[in-house]
Amino acid sequence: MARRARRGTNLAPLPRNNRPTVLPQRKRLPHEQPPWVPDDALYFITVNCAQRHANTLAHSQMANALFDTVAYREKLLQWKVHLMLLMPDHLHAFIVFSPFQSIKKTISDWKRFTASALKIDWQSDFFEHRIRNQAELDEKWSYVLQNPVRAGLCLNPEDWKFKR
């Protein structure tokens, strides 16, 4: 006998094991810069490694190699990175992007290169947020610097050496 849908909802009946048969899908973020946003807008970016809870990024050899790729792309005028902080399985950055290439293409190309050259297995996509005012910048900047402290990786933000 089929079970009835739950009252007051338009959901289908639950399977007998009470687990949904279709899992929610992650939405793709557009990463498009609206035309009214100034070319020198600052963005807060987060990029995750595919394997979470493993130290992929926070060791000297990898950090130096990643920071070299960042500096190289700065010389190409693709971006200006104001802060990049590496955690073991993700990174945070504050970046002003070139107006001549989309944010999505800039980050995707960099991820593709580092995946190939440095063997980093990144999650698909990334998170970006445009910084709109000084209060928001202060809040996000503090969040990023405190991230290794909150994770128990160091006692003071100044002690974390995996930042540029």
N, C-alpha and C. Protein backbone atom coordinates (compact mmCIF):
# COMPACT_ATOMS: atom_id res chain seq x y z
N MET A 1 0.85 -1.17 0.00
CA MET A 1 0.00 0.00 0.00
C MET A 1 0.90 1.24 0.00
N ALA A 2 0.60 2.20 -0.86
CA ALA A 2 1.40 3.43 -0.95
C ALA A 2 1.12 4.31 0.25
N ARG A 3 2.13 4.99 0.70
CA ARG A 3 1.97 5.91 1.82
C ARG A 3 1.50 7.25 1.28
N ARG A 4 0.67 7.93 2.02
CA ARG A 4 0.14 9.22 1.59
C ARG A 4 1.17 10.32 1.79
N ALA A 5 1.06 11.36 0.97
CA ALA A 5 1.94 12.53 1.12
C ALA A 5 1.65 13.18 2.46
N ARG A 6 2.67 13.82 3.02
CA ARG A 6 2.49 14.49 4.30
C ARG A 6 1.52 15.65 4.15
N ARG A 7 0.63 15.78 5.10
CA ARG A 7 -0.40 16.81 5.08
C ARG A 7 0.23 18.20 5.12
N GLY A 8 -0.33 19.12 4.32
CA GLY A 8 0.12 20.50 4.32
C GLY A 8 1.36 20.74 3.46
N THR A 9 1.78 19.72 2.73
CA THR A 9 2.93 19.90 1.84
C THR A 9 2.55 19.43 0.46
N ASN A 10 3.33 19.80 -0.50
CA ASN A 10 3.14 19.27 -1.85
C ASN A 10 4.31 18.36 -2.19
N LEU A 11 4.86 17.70 -1.17
CA LEU A 11 5.95 16.76 -1.36
C LEU A 11 5.38 15.38 -1.68
N ALA A 12 6.15 14.65 -2.45
CA ALA A 12 5.75 13.28 -2.76
C ALA A 12 5.87 12.43 -1.51
N PRO A 13 5.18 11.30 -1.48
CA PRO A 13 5.31 10.41 -0.32
C PRO A 13 6.76 10.00 -0.11
N LEU A 14 7.14 9.86 1.14
CA LEU A 14 8.49 9.41 1.46
C LEU A 14 8.62 7.92 1.17
N PRO A 15 9.75 7.49 0.69
CA PRO A 15 9.95 6.04 0.54
C PRO A 15 9.93 5.38 1.91
N ARG A 16 9.81 4.09 1.93
CA ARG A 16 9.68 3.36 3.19
C ARG A 16 10.86 3.61 4.13
N ASN A 17 12.06 3.87 3.60
CA ASN A 17 13.21 4.10 4.47
C ASN A 17 13.31 5.57 4.88
N ASN A 18 12.31 6.38 4.54
CA ASN A 18 12.23 7.81 4.89
C ASN A 18 13.39 8.64 4.33
N ARG A 19 14.02 8.18 3.28
CA ARG A 19 15.07 8.95 2.63
C ARG A 19 14.56 9.42 1.27
N PRO A 20 14.82 10.67 0.93
CA PRO A 20 14.37 11.13 -0.38
C PRO A 20 15.13 10.39 -1.48
N THR A 21 14.46 10.15 -2.59
CA THR A 21 15.09 9.44 -3.69
C THR A 21 15.89 10.39 -4.57
N VAL A 22 15.59 11.68 -4.55
CA VAL A 22 16.33 12.66 -5.33
C VAL A 22 17.00 13.63 -4.37
N LEU A 23 18.30 13.69 -4.45
CA LEU A 23 19.05 14.59 -3.57
C LEU A 23 19.09 15.98 -4.18
N PRO A 24 19.14 17.03 -3.35
CA PRO A 24 19.25 18.39 -3.89
C PRO A 24 20.56 18.57 -4.64
N GLN A 25 20.52 19.35 -5.69
CA GLN A 25 21.70 19.63 -6.50
C GLN A 25 22.25 21.00 -6.16
N ARG A 26 23.56 21.13 -6.13
CA ARG A 26 24.21 22.42 -5.88
C ARG A 26 23.94 23.33 -7.07
N LYS A 27 23.56 24.57 -6.79
CA LYS A 27 23.33 25.53 -7.85
C LYS A 27 24.65 26.08 -8.37
N ARG A 28 24.73 26.29 -9.66
CA ARG A 28 25.91 26.90 -10.27
C ARG A 28 25.84 28.40 -10.05
N LEU A 29 26.93 28.98 -9.62
CA LEU A 29 26.98 30.42 -9.41
C LEU A 29 27.35 31.10 -10.73
N PRO A 30 26.73 32.23 -11.05
CA PRO A 30 26.99 32.85 -12.35
C PRO A 30 28.36 33.52 -12.47
N HIS A 31 28.88 34.11 -11.43
CA HIS A 31 30.18 34.78 -11.43
C HIS A 31 30.30 35.89 -12.46
N GLU A 32 29.20 36.47 -12.85
CA GLU A 32 29.23 37.57 -13.81
C GLU A 32 29.27 38.90 -13.07
N GLN A 33 30.12 39.79 -13.52
CA GLN A 33 30.21 41.11 -12.90
C GLN A 33 29.20 42.03 -13.58
N PRO A 34 28.23 42.55 -12.82
CA PRO A 34 27.25 43.46 -13.41
C PRO A 34 27.93 44.71 -13.98
N PRO A 35 27.34 45.33 -15.00
CA PRO A 35 27.99 46.47 -15.66
C PRO A 35 28.17 47.69 -14.75
N TRP A 36 27.38 47.81 -13.70
CA TRP A 36 27.50 48.99 -12.82
C TRP A 36 28.61 48.84 -11.78
N VAL A 37 29.21 47.67 -11.68
CA VAL A 37 30.28 47.45 -10.71
C VAL A 37 31.58 48.03 -11.27
N PRO A 38 32.29 48.83 -10.49
CA PRO A 38 33.55 49.42 -10.99
C PRO A 38 34.60 48.35 -11.30
N ASP A 39 35.46 48.66 -12.25
CA ASP A 39 36.50 47.71 -12.67
C ASP A 39 37.44 47.33 -11.53
N ASP A 40 37.61 48.22 -10.57
CA ASP A 40 38.55 47.94 -9.47
C ASP A 40 37.86 47.37 -8.23
N ALA A 41 36.71 46.73 -8.42
CA ALA A 41 35.98 46.14 -7.30
C ALA A 41 36.82 45.02 -6.67
N LEU A 42 36.77 44.94 -5.36
CA LEU A 42 37.49 43.91 -4.61
C LEU A 42 36.55 42.75 -4.34
N TYR A 43 37.04 41.52 -4.57
CA TYR A 43 36.24 40.32 -4.36
C TYR A 43 36.88 39.43 -3.31
N PHE A 44 36.03 38.83 -2.50
CA PHE A 44 36.42 37.81 -1.53
C PHE A 44 36.16 36.47 -2.21
N ILE A 45 37.18 35.65 -2.32
CA ILE A 45 37.11 34.38 -3.04
C ILE A 45 37.45 33.23 -2.10
N THR A 46 36.73 32.12 -2.25
CA THR A 46 37.07 30.88 -1.55
C THR A 46 37.12 29.76 -2.59
N VAL A 47 38.20 28.98 -2.57
CA VAL A 47 38.35 27.84 -3.46
C VAL A 47 38.67 26.63 -2.58
N ASN A 48 37.94 25.55 -2.77
CA ASN A 48 38.11 24.34 -1.97
C ASN A 48 38.80 23.24 -2.74
N CYS A 49 39.58 22.46 -2.05
CA CYS A 49 40.14 21.24 -2.62
C CYS A 49 39.05 20.17 -2.66
N ALA A 50 39.17 19.25 -3.60
CA ALA A 50 38.18 18.18 -3.71
C ALA A 50 38.20 17.30 -2.46
N GLN A 51 39.38 16.99 -1.98
CA GLN A 51 39.49 16.18 -0.76
C GLN A 51 39.52 17.11 0.44
N ARG A 52 38.43 17.10 1.19
CA ARG A 52 38.35 17.95 2.37
C ARG A 52 39.01 17.22 3.55
N HIS A 53 39.44 17.98 4.54
CA HIS A 53 40.02 17.46 5.78
C HIS A 53 41.35 16.75 5.56
N ALA A 54 42.05 17.14 4.50
CA ALA A 54 43.41 16.63 4.25
C ALA A 54 44.29 17.84 3.98
N ASN A 55 45.55 17.77 4.35
CA ASN A 55 46.44 18.91 4.14
C ASN A 55 47.04 18.85 2.74
N THR A 56 46.36 19.48 1.82
CA THR A 56 46.83 19.57 0.44
C THR A 56 47.65 20.83 0.21
N LEU A 57 47.28 21.96 0.85
CA LEU A 57 47.85 23.26 0.52
C LEU A 57 48.81 23.83 1.55
N ALA A 58 48.63 23.53 2.82
CA ALA A 58 49.37 24.24 3.87
C ALA A 58 50.67 23.54 4.24
N HIS A 59 51.57 23.47 3.27
CA HIS A 59 52.95 23.07 3.54
C HIS A 59 53.84 23.89 2.62
N SER A 60 55.05 24.12 3.03
CA SER A 60 55.92 25.13 2.41
C SER A 60 56.10 24.97 0.91
N GLN A 61 56.38 23.76 0.45
CA GLN A 61 56.63 23.56 -0.99
C GLN A 61 55.40 23.93 -1.81
N MET A 62 54.24 23.46 -1.41
CA MET A 62 53.01 23.76 -2.15
C MET A 62 52.68 25.24 -2.05
N ALA A 63 52.79 25.82 -0.87
CA ALA A 63 52.47 27.24 -0.69
C ALA A 63 53.36 28.10 -1.57
N ASN A 64 54.65 27.83 -1.58
CA ASN A 64 55.56 28.62 -2.42
C ASN A 64 55.22 28.50 -3.89
N ALA A 65 54.90 27.30 -4.33
CA ALA A 65 54.54 27.09 -5.74
C ALA A 65 53.24 27.83 -6.08
N LEU A 66 52.25 27.74 -5.21
CA LEU A 66 50.98 28.45 -5.45
C LEU A 66 51.19 29.95 -5.48
N PHE A 67 51.93 30.47 -4.54
CA PHE A 67 52.18 31.91 -4.51
C PHE A 67 52.97 32.38 -5.73
N ASP A 68 53.84 31.51 -6.27
CA ASP A 68 54.54 31.85 -7.52
C ASP A 68 53.55 31.98 -8.67
N THR A 69 52.56 31.10 -8.73
CA THR A 69 51.56 31.19 -9.81
C THR A 69 50.73 32.47 -9.67
N VAL A 70 50.45 32.86 -8.44
CA VAL A 70 49.70 34.10 -8.18
C VAL A 70 50.51 35.30 -8.66
N ALA A 71 51.80 35.35 -8.30
CA ALA A 71 52.66 36.46 -8.71
C ALA A 71 52.82 36.52 -10.22
N TYR A 72 52.94 35.38 -10.86
CA TYR A 72 53.07 35.34 -12.32
C TYR A 72 51.83 35.94 -12.99
N ARG A 73 50.66 35.59 -12.50
CA ARG A 73 49.43 36.11 -13.09
C ARG A 73 49.22 37.59 -12.76
N GLU A 74 49.79 38.03 -11.66
CA GLU A 74 49.79 39.48 -11.38
C GLU A 74 50.64 40.21 -12.42
N LYS A 75 51.79 39.65 -12.77
CA LYS A 75 52.64 40.26 -13.79
C LYS A 75 51.93 40.32 -15.15
N LEU A 76 51.05 39.36 -15.40
CA LEU A 76 50.27 39.36 -16.64
C LEU A 76 49.06 40.31 -16.56
N LEU A 77 48.90 40.96 -15.41
CA LEU A 77 47.80 41.89 -15.15
C LEU A 77 46.42 41.23 -15.21
N GLN A 78 46.37 39.95 -14.82
CA GLN A 78 45.09 39.25 -14.76
C GLN A 78 44.34 39.55 -13.47
N TRP A 79 45.09 39.88 -12.44
CA TRP A 79 44.50 40.18 -11.14
C TRP A 79 45.50 40.89 -10.26
N LYS A 80 45.01 41.43 -9.17
CA LYS A 80 45.86 41.96 -8.09
C LYS A 80 45.35 41.30 -6.82
N VAL A 81 46.19 40.46 -6.23
CA VAL A 81 45.81 39.74 -5.03
C VAL A 81 46.30 40.54 -3.82
N HIS A 82 45.35 40.98 -2.99
CA HIS A 82 45.70 41.77 -1.81
C HIS A 82 46.01 40.87 -0.61
N LEU A 83 45.39 39.71 -0.56
CA LEU A 83 45.68 38.72 0.48
C LEU A 83 45.24 37.37 -0.05
N MET A 84 46.10 36.37 0.12
CA MET A 84 45.70 34.98 -0.11
C MET A 84 46.18 34.20 1.08
N LEU A 85 45.28 33.47 1.70
CA LEU A 85 45.60 32.66 2.87
C LEU A 85 45.23 31.22 2.56
N LEU A 86 46.21 30.34 2.71
CA LEU A 86 46.00 28.92 2.46
C LEU A 86 45.66 28.21 3.75
N MET A 87 44.61 27.43 3.71
CA MET A 87 44.28 26.50 4.77
C MET A 87 44.63 25.11 4.24
N PRO A 88 44.59 24.08 5.06
CA PRO A 88 44.96 22.75 4.55
C PRO A 88 44.15 22.30 3.32
N ASP A 89 42.84 22.60 3.31
CA ASP A 89 42.01 22.08 2.22
C ASP A 89 41.23 23.15 1.45
N HIS A 90 41.57 24.41 1.65
CA HIS A 90 40.92 25.48 0.89
C HIS A 90 41.76 26.75 1.00
N LEU A 91 41.38 27.74 0.23
CA LEU A 91 42.07 29.02 0.33
C LEU A 91 41.06 30.15 0.28
N HIS A 92 41.44 31.27 0.86
CA HIS A 92 40.66 32.51 0.81
C HIS A 92 41.54 33.57 0.18
N ALA A 93 40.94 34.46 -0.59
CA ALA A 93 41.72 35.53 -1.21
C ALA A 93 40.86 36.77 -1.38
N PHE A 94 41.53 37.91 -1.40
CA PHE A 94 40.92 39.19 -1.73
C PHE A 94 41.58 39.66 -3.02
N ILE A 95 40.79 39.76 -4.07
CA ILE A 95 41.35 39.97 -5.41
C ILE A 95 40.60 41.07 -6.15
N VAL A 96 41.35 41.90 -6.87
CA VAL A 96 40.79 42.80 -7.87
C VAL A 96 41.13 42.17 -9.21
N PHE A 97 40.12 41.90 -10.03
CA PHE A 97 40.31 41.22 -11.31
C PHE A 97 40.46 42.21 -12.45
N SER A 98 41.14 41.78 -13.49
CA SER A 98 41.27 42.58 -14.70
C SER A 98 39.89 42.76 -15.33
N PRO A 99 39.61 43.95 -15.87
CA PRO A 99 38.32 44.14 -16.54
C PRO A 99 38.26 43.48 -17.92
N PHE A 100 39.37 42.91 -18.38
CA PHE A 100 39.44 42.37 -19.74
C PHE A 100 39.14 40.87 -19.81
N GLN A 101 38.91 40.24 -18.67
CA GLN A 101 38.60 38.82 -18.65
C GLN A 101 37.65 38.57 -17.49
N SER A 102 36.72 37.68 -17.67
CA SER A 102 35.73 37.43 -16.62
C SER A 102 36.39 36.80 -15.39
N ILE A 103 35.74 37.01 -14.26
CA ILE A 103 36.20 36.41 -13.00
C ILE A 103 36.22 34.89 -13.14
N LYS A 104 35.16 34.34 -13.69
CA LYS A 104 35.05 32.89 -13.84
C LYS A 104 36.20 32.34 -14.68
N LYS A 105 36.48 32.98 -15.81
CA LYS A 105 37.57 32.49 -16.67
C LYS A 105 38.92 32.63 -15.97
N THR A 106 39.14 33.74 -15.28
CA THR A 106 40.41 33.96 -14.59
C THR A 106 40.65 32.87 -13.54
N ILE A 107 39.66 32.63 -12.70
CA ILE A 107 39.82 31.61 -11.64
C ILE A 107 39.88 30.22 -12.26
N SER A 108 39.04 29.93 -13.23
CA SER A 108 39.03 28.61 -13.86
C SER A 108 40.36 28.29 -14.53
N ASP A 109 40.92 29.28 -15.25
CA ASP A 109 42.22 29.06 -15.90
C ASP A 109 43.31 28.81 -14.86
N TRP A 110 43.29 29.59 -13.78
CA TRP A 110 44.29 29.41 -12.72
C TRP A 110 44.14 28.03 -12.07
N LYS A 111 42.92 27.64 -11.77
CA LYS A 111 42.69 26.32 -11.17
C LYS A 111 43.13 25.20 -12.11
N ARG A 112 42.83 25.34 -13.40
CA ARG A 112 43.22 24.33 -14.37
C ARG A 112 44.76 24.21 -14.42
N PHE A 113 45.43 25.37 -14.44
CA PHE A 113 46.89 25.34 -14.48
C PHE A 113 47.46 24.70 -13.22
N THR A 114 47.00 25.12 -12.05
CA THR A 114 47.55 24.58 -10.81
C THR A 114 47.19 23.10 -10.63
N ALA A 115 46.05 22.70 -11.16
CA ALA A 115 45.68 21.28 -11.10
C ALA A 115 46.67 20.45 -11.92
N SER A 116 47.03 20.97 -13.08
CA SER A 116 47.96 20.26 -13.95
C SER A 116 49.39 20.34 -13.43
N ALA A 117 49.86 21.55 -13.16
CA ALA A 117 51.27 21.75 -12.79
C ALA A 117 51.59 21.29 -11.38
N LEU A 118 50.65 21.51 -10.44
CA LEU A 118 50.92 21.21 -9.03
C LEU A 118 50.14 20.01 -8.51
N LYS A 119 49.35 19.41 -9.39
CA LYS A 119 48.56 18.20 -9.04
C LYS A 119 47.59 18.46 -7.90
N ILE A 120 46.95 19.64 -7.92
CA ILE A 120 45.92 19.96 -6.92
C ILE A 120 44.58 19.55 -7.48
N ASP A 121 43.85 18.77 -6.73
CA ASP A 121 42.51 18.35 -7.14
C ASP A 121 41.51 19.31 -6.49
N TRP A 122 41.04 20.28 -7.28
CA TRP A 122 40.11 21.30 -6.79
C TRP A 122 38.67 20.82 -6.92
N GLN A 123 37.81 21.30 -6.04
CA GLN A 123 36.38 21.14 -6.27
C GLN A 123 36.02 21.98 -7.49
N SER A 124 34.95 21.60 -8.16
CA SER A 124 34.51 22.43 -9.27
C SER A 124 33.95 23.73 -8.70
N ASP A 125 34.07 24.79 -9.48
CA ASP A 125 33.55 26.11 -9.14
C ASP A 125 34.30 26.73 -7.97
N PHE A 126 33.79 27.83 -7.44
CA PHE A 126 34.39 28.57 -6.35
C PHE A 126 33.33 29.52 -5.82
N PHE A 127 33.62 30.13 -4.68
CA PHE A 127 32.71 31.11 -4.09
C PHE A 127 33.33 32.48 -4.27
N GLU A 128 32.51 33.46 -4.66
CA GLU A 128 32.99 34.84 -4.73
C GLU A 128 31.93 35.77 -4.18
N HIS A 129 32.42 36.84 -3.56
CA HIS A 129 31.54 37.86 -3.00
C HIS A 129 32.20 39.21 -3.20
N ARG A 130 31.48 40.13 -3.81
CA ARG A 130 32.03 41.47 -4.02
C ARG A 130 31.96 42.24 -2.71
N ILE A 131 33.07 42.83 -2.32
CA ILE A 131 33.14 43.65 -1.11
C ILE A 131 32.52 45.01 -1.44
N ARG A 132 31.51 45.40 -0.66
CA ARG A 132 30.75 46.61 -0.97
C ARG A 132 31.12 47.83 -0.14
N ASN A 133 31.74 47.61 1.04
CA ASN A 133 32.09 48.76 1.88
C ASN A 133 33.20 48.36 2.86
N GLN A 134 33.71 49.34 3.57
CA GLN A 134 34.84 49.12 4.48
C GLN A 134 34.47 48.17 5.62
N ALA A 135 33.26 48.29 6.15
CA ALA A 135 32.84 47.42 7.25
C ALA A 135 32.84 45.95 6.81
N GLU A 136 32.36 45.72 5.61
CA GLU A 136 32.34 44.35 5.08
C GLU A 136 33.77 43.84 4.86
N LEU A 137 34.64 44.70 4.36
CA LEU A 137 36.04 44.32 4.17
C LEU A 137 36.68 43.97 5.51
N ASP A 138 36.48 44.81 6.51
CA ASP A 138 37.05 44.56 7.83
C ASP A 138 36.57 43.22 8.40
N GLU A 139 35.28 42.95 8.25
CA GLU A 139 34.71 41.71 8.77
C GLU A 139 35.30 40.49 8.06
N LYS A 140 35.33 40.50 6.74
CA LYS A 140 35.84 39.36 5.97
C LYS A 140 37.35 39.19 6.17
N TRP A 141 38.09 40.29 6.19
CA TRP A 141 39.54 40.24 6.38
C TRP A 141 39.87 39.58 7.73
N SER A 142 39.17 40.01 8.77
CA SER A 142 39.37 39.43 10.10
C SER A 142 39.00 37.94 10.10
N TYR A 143 37.89 37.60 9.46
CA TYR A 143 37.46 36.20 9.36
C TYR A 143 38.57 35.35 8.74
N VAL A 144 39.15 35.84 7.65
CA VAL A 144 40.19 35.08 6.96
C VAL A 144 41.43 34.93 7.83
N LEU A 145 41.89 36.01 8.43
CA LEU A 145 43.10 35.93 9.26
C LEU A 145 42.90 35.05 10.50
N GLN A 146 41.68 35.01 11.02
CA GLN A 146 41.39 34.20 12.21
C GLN A 146 41.11 32.74 11.87
N ASN A 147 40.95 32.42 10.60
CA ASN A 147 40.60 31.06 10.19
C ASN A 147 41.56 30.00 10.72
N PRO A 148 42.88 30.17 10.59
CA PRO A 148 43.78 29.14 11.15
C PRO A 148 43.73 29.06 12.67
N VAL A 149 43.44 30.18 13.32
CA VAL A 149 43.31 30.18 14.78
C VAL A 149 42.07 29.38 15.18
N ARG A 150 40.95 29.66 14.51
CA ARG A 150 39.71 28.92 14.81
C ARG A 150 39.87 27.43 14.57
N ALA A 151 40.68 27.08 13.56
CA ALA A 151 40.89 25.67 13.23
C ALA A 151 41.91 25.00 14.16
N GLY A 152 42.52 25.78 15.07
CA GLY A 152 43.50 25.22 16.00
C GLY A 152 44.85 24.97 15.37
N LEU A 153 45.16 25.65 14.27
CA LEU A 153 46.42 25.44 13.57
C LEU A 153 47.54 26.36 14.06
N CYS A 154 47.16 27.43 14.74
CA CYS A 154 48.13 28.36 15.33
C CYS A 154 47.42 29.13 16.44
N LEU A 155 48.20 29.82 17.27
CA LEU A 155 47.61 30.57 18.38
C LEU A 155 47.26 32.01 17.99
N ASN A 156 48.06 32.58 17.09
CA ASN A 156 47.85 33.96 16.66
C ASN A 156 47.86 34.03 15.15
N PRO A 157 47.05 34.91 14.56
CA PRO A 157 47.04 35.02 13.09
C PRO A 157 48.42 35.33 12.52
N GLU A 158 49.23 36.09 13.26
CA GLU A 158 50.56 36.44 12.77
C GLU A 158 51.47 35.22 12.63
N ASP A 159 51.16 34.14 13.36
CA ASP A 159 51.99 32.93 13.33
C ASP A 159 51.76 32.08 12.08
N TRP A 160 50.65 32.30 11.38
CA TRP A 160 50.31 31.47 10.22
C TRP A 160 51.17 31.90 9.03
N LYS A 161 52.00 31.00 8.53
CA LYS A 161 52.95 31.40 7.49
C LYS A 161 52.45 31.16 6.08
N PHE A 162 51.27 30.60 5.92
CA PHE A 162 50.77 30.27 4.59
C PHE A 162 49.84 31.36 4.07
N LYS A 163 50.37 32.57 4.01
CA LYS A 163 49.59 33.70 3.48
C LYS A 163 50.52 34.62 2.71
N ARG A 164 49.94 35.34 1.81
CA ARG A 164 50.70 36.26 0.96
C ARG A 164 49.90 37.53 0.80
